[in-house]
């Protein structure tokens, strides 16, 4: 039986072989943050998820994913991810503020909900 061809690019194969590792994912996270700034939330979300998958040790990746989900008004998922970040780093004030904003926005009527964590 012939082997299935690996269609991932070389960098993805290297990442996959090295994961999970505390030095991976930062480039994906930076790209995703740029994409959020451009309003490309769905593409950014995939990059944040990849960063978390590559480096589950970095709670900031989970916080950034939560903010991206919040911007898409996917509050239940956003709350799950920010809770995971806080489990890793309970004293992180930025994550605590993000959780407060997610909670606040999720209780607002849809026409008053903000897009992003700064609302």
Protein backbone atom coordinates (compact mmCIF):
# COMPACT_ATOMS: atom_id res chain seq x y z
CA UNK A 1 0.00 0.00 0.00
CA UNK A 2 1.54 3.36 -1.00
CA UNK A 3 2.23 5.89 1.72
CA UNK A 4 0.04 8.92 1.83
CA UNK A 5 1.95 12.02 0.79
CA UNK A 6 2.48 14.56 3.55
CA UNK A 7 1.12 17.82 2.18
CA UNK A 8 2.26 20.00 5.09
CA UNK A 9 5.11 22.36 4.40
CA UNK A 10 8.57 21.76 5.82
CA UNK A 11 8.14 24.25 8.70
CA UNK A 12 4.88 22.64 9.80
CA UNK A 13 6.48 19.19 9.81
CA UNK A 14 9.35 20.51 11.95
CA UNK A 15 6.91 22.22 14.34
CA UNK A 16 4.87 19.05 14.65
CA UNK A 17 7.96 16.97 15.39
CA UNK A 18 9.14 19.35 18.11
CA UNK A 19 5.84 20.06 19.86
CA UNK A 20 4.95 20.62 22.60
CA UNK A 21 7.79 22.98 23.33
CA UNK A 22 7.97 26.24 25.30
CA UNK A 23 9.83 28.04 22.50
CA UNK A 24 7.28 27.34 19.74
CA UNK A 25 4.21 29.29 18.66
CA UNK A 26 5.41 32.86 19.13
CA UNK A 27 5.55 33.54 15.41
CA UNK A 28 2.01 32.18 14.97
CA UNK A 29 0.77 34.31 17.87
CA UNK A 30 2.38 37.46 16.44
CA UNK A 31 0.85 36.81 13.02
CA UNK A 32 -2.55 36.21 14.60
CA UNK A 33 -2.36 39.46 16.58
CA UNK A 34 -1.64 41.31 13.35
CA UNK A 35 -4.61 39.59 11.70
CA UNK A 36 -6.88 40.62 14.58
CA UNK A 37 -5.76 44.20 14.00
CA UNK A 38 -6.84 43.80 10.38
CA UNK A 39 -10.20 42.37 11.40
CA UNK A 40 -9.43 38.89 10.00
CA UNK A 41 -10.71 37.11 13.11
CA UNK A 42 -11.33 33.66 11.64
CA UNK A 43 -7.85 33.43 10.15
CA UNK A 44 -6.36 34.83 13.35
CA UNK A 45 -8.27 32.24 15.37
CA UNK A 46 -6.68 29.40 13.41
CA UNK A 47 -3.21 30.83 14.06
CA UNK A 48 -3.90 31.30 17.78
CA UNK A 49 -5.14 27.69 17.98
CA UNK A 50 -1.97 26.53 16.24
CA UNK A 51 0.17 28.54 18.69
CA UNK A 52 -1.66 26.96 21.66
CA UNK A 53 -1.28 23.50 20.15
CA UNK A 54 2.44 23.99 19.57
CA UNK A 55 3.09 25.53 22.98
CA UNK A 56 0.45 24.76 25.59
CA UNK A 57 2.80 26.19 28.25
CA UNK A 58 2.21 29.85 27.24
CA UNK A 59 -0.96 31.25 28.84
CA UNK A 60 -0.79 34.45 26.75
CA UNK A 61 -1.66 32.42 23.64
CA UNK A 62 -4.84 31.23 25.35
CA UNK A 63 -5.67 34.80 26.40
CA UNK A 64 -5.16 36.08 22.86
CA UNK A 65 -7.39 33.29 21.51
CA UNK A 66 -10.06 34.23 24.07
CA UNK A 67 -9.97 37.88 22.97
CA UNK A 68 -10.28 36.80 19.34
CA UNK A 69 -13.29 34.62 20.15
CA UNK A 70 -14.83 37.45 22.16
CA UNK A 71 -14.47 39.76 19.16
CA UNK A 72 -16.51 37.18 17.23
CA UNK A 73 -19.12 37.20 20.06
CA UNK A 74 -18.35 33.57 20.88
CA UNK A 75 -18.42 34.22 24.60
CA UNK A 76 -18.74 30.65 25.92
CA UNK A 77 -15.62 29.55 24.02
CA UNK A 78 -13.80 32.73 24.97
CA UNK A 79 -14.56 32.10 28.64
CA UNK A 80 -13.26 28.52 28.37
CA UNK A 81 -9.93 29.71 26.96
CA UNK A 82 -9.43 32.58 29.38
CA UNK A 83 -10.22 30.20 32.23
CA UNK A 84 -7.50 27.86 30.95
CA UNK A 85 -5.05 30.78 30.85
CA UNK A 86 -5.93 31.72 34.42
CA UNK A 87 -5.50 28.11 35.58
CA UNK A 88 -1.93 28.31 34.33
CA UNK A 89 -1.24 31.79 35.63
CA UNK A 90 -3.80 32.80 38.29
CA UNK A 91 -2.13 36.10 39.13
CA UNK A 92 -2.16 37.45 35.55
CA UNK A 93 -4.04 40.74 35.78
CA UNK A 94 -4.47 41.04 32.03
CA UNK A 95 -6.25 37.68 31.91
CA UNK A 96 -8.42 38.66 34.87
CA UNK A 97 -9.45 41.87 33.11
CA UNK A 98 -10.15 39.92 29.92
CA UNK A 99 -12.42 37.55 31.88
CA UNK A 100 -14.29 40.53 33.36
CA UNK A 101 -14.83 42.03 29.91
CA UNK A 102 -15.99 38.70 28.48
CA UNK A 103 -18.43 38.26 31.37
CA UNK A 104 -19.71 41.82 31.00
CA UNK A 105 -20.12 41.62 27.23
CA UNK A 106 -21.83 38.23 27.35
CA UNK A 107 -24.57 39.72 29.56
CA UNK A 108 -25.21 42.74 27.33
CA UNK A 109 -27.95 42.81 24.73
CA UNK A 110 -26.48 41.91 21.30
CA UNK A 111 -26.74 45.47 19.95
CA UNK A 112 -24.60 46.78 22.85
CA UNK A 113 -21.83 44.18 22.74
CA UNK A 114 -18.32 45.41 21.97
CA UNK A 115 -15.95 43.99 19.39
CA UNK A 116 -12.76 43.25 21.30
CA UNK A 117 -11.52 43.33 24.87
CA UNK A 118 -11.25 47.10 25.20
CA UNK A 119 -15.00 47.82 25.24
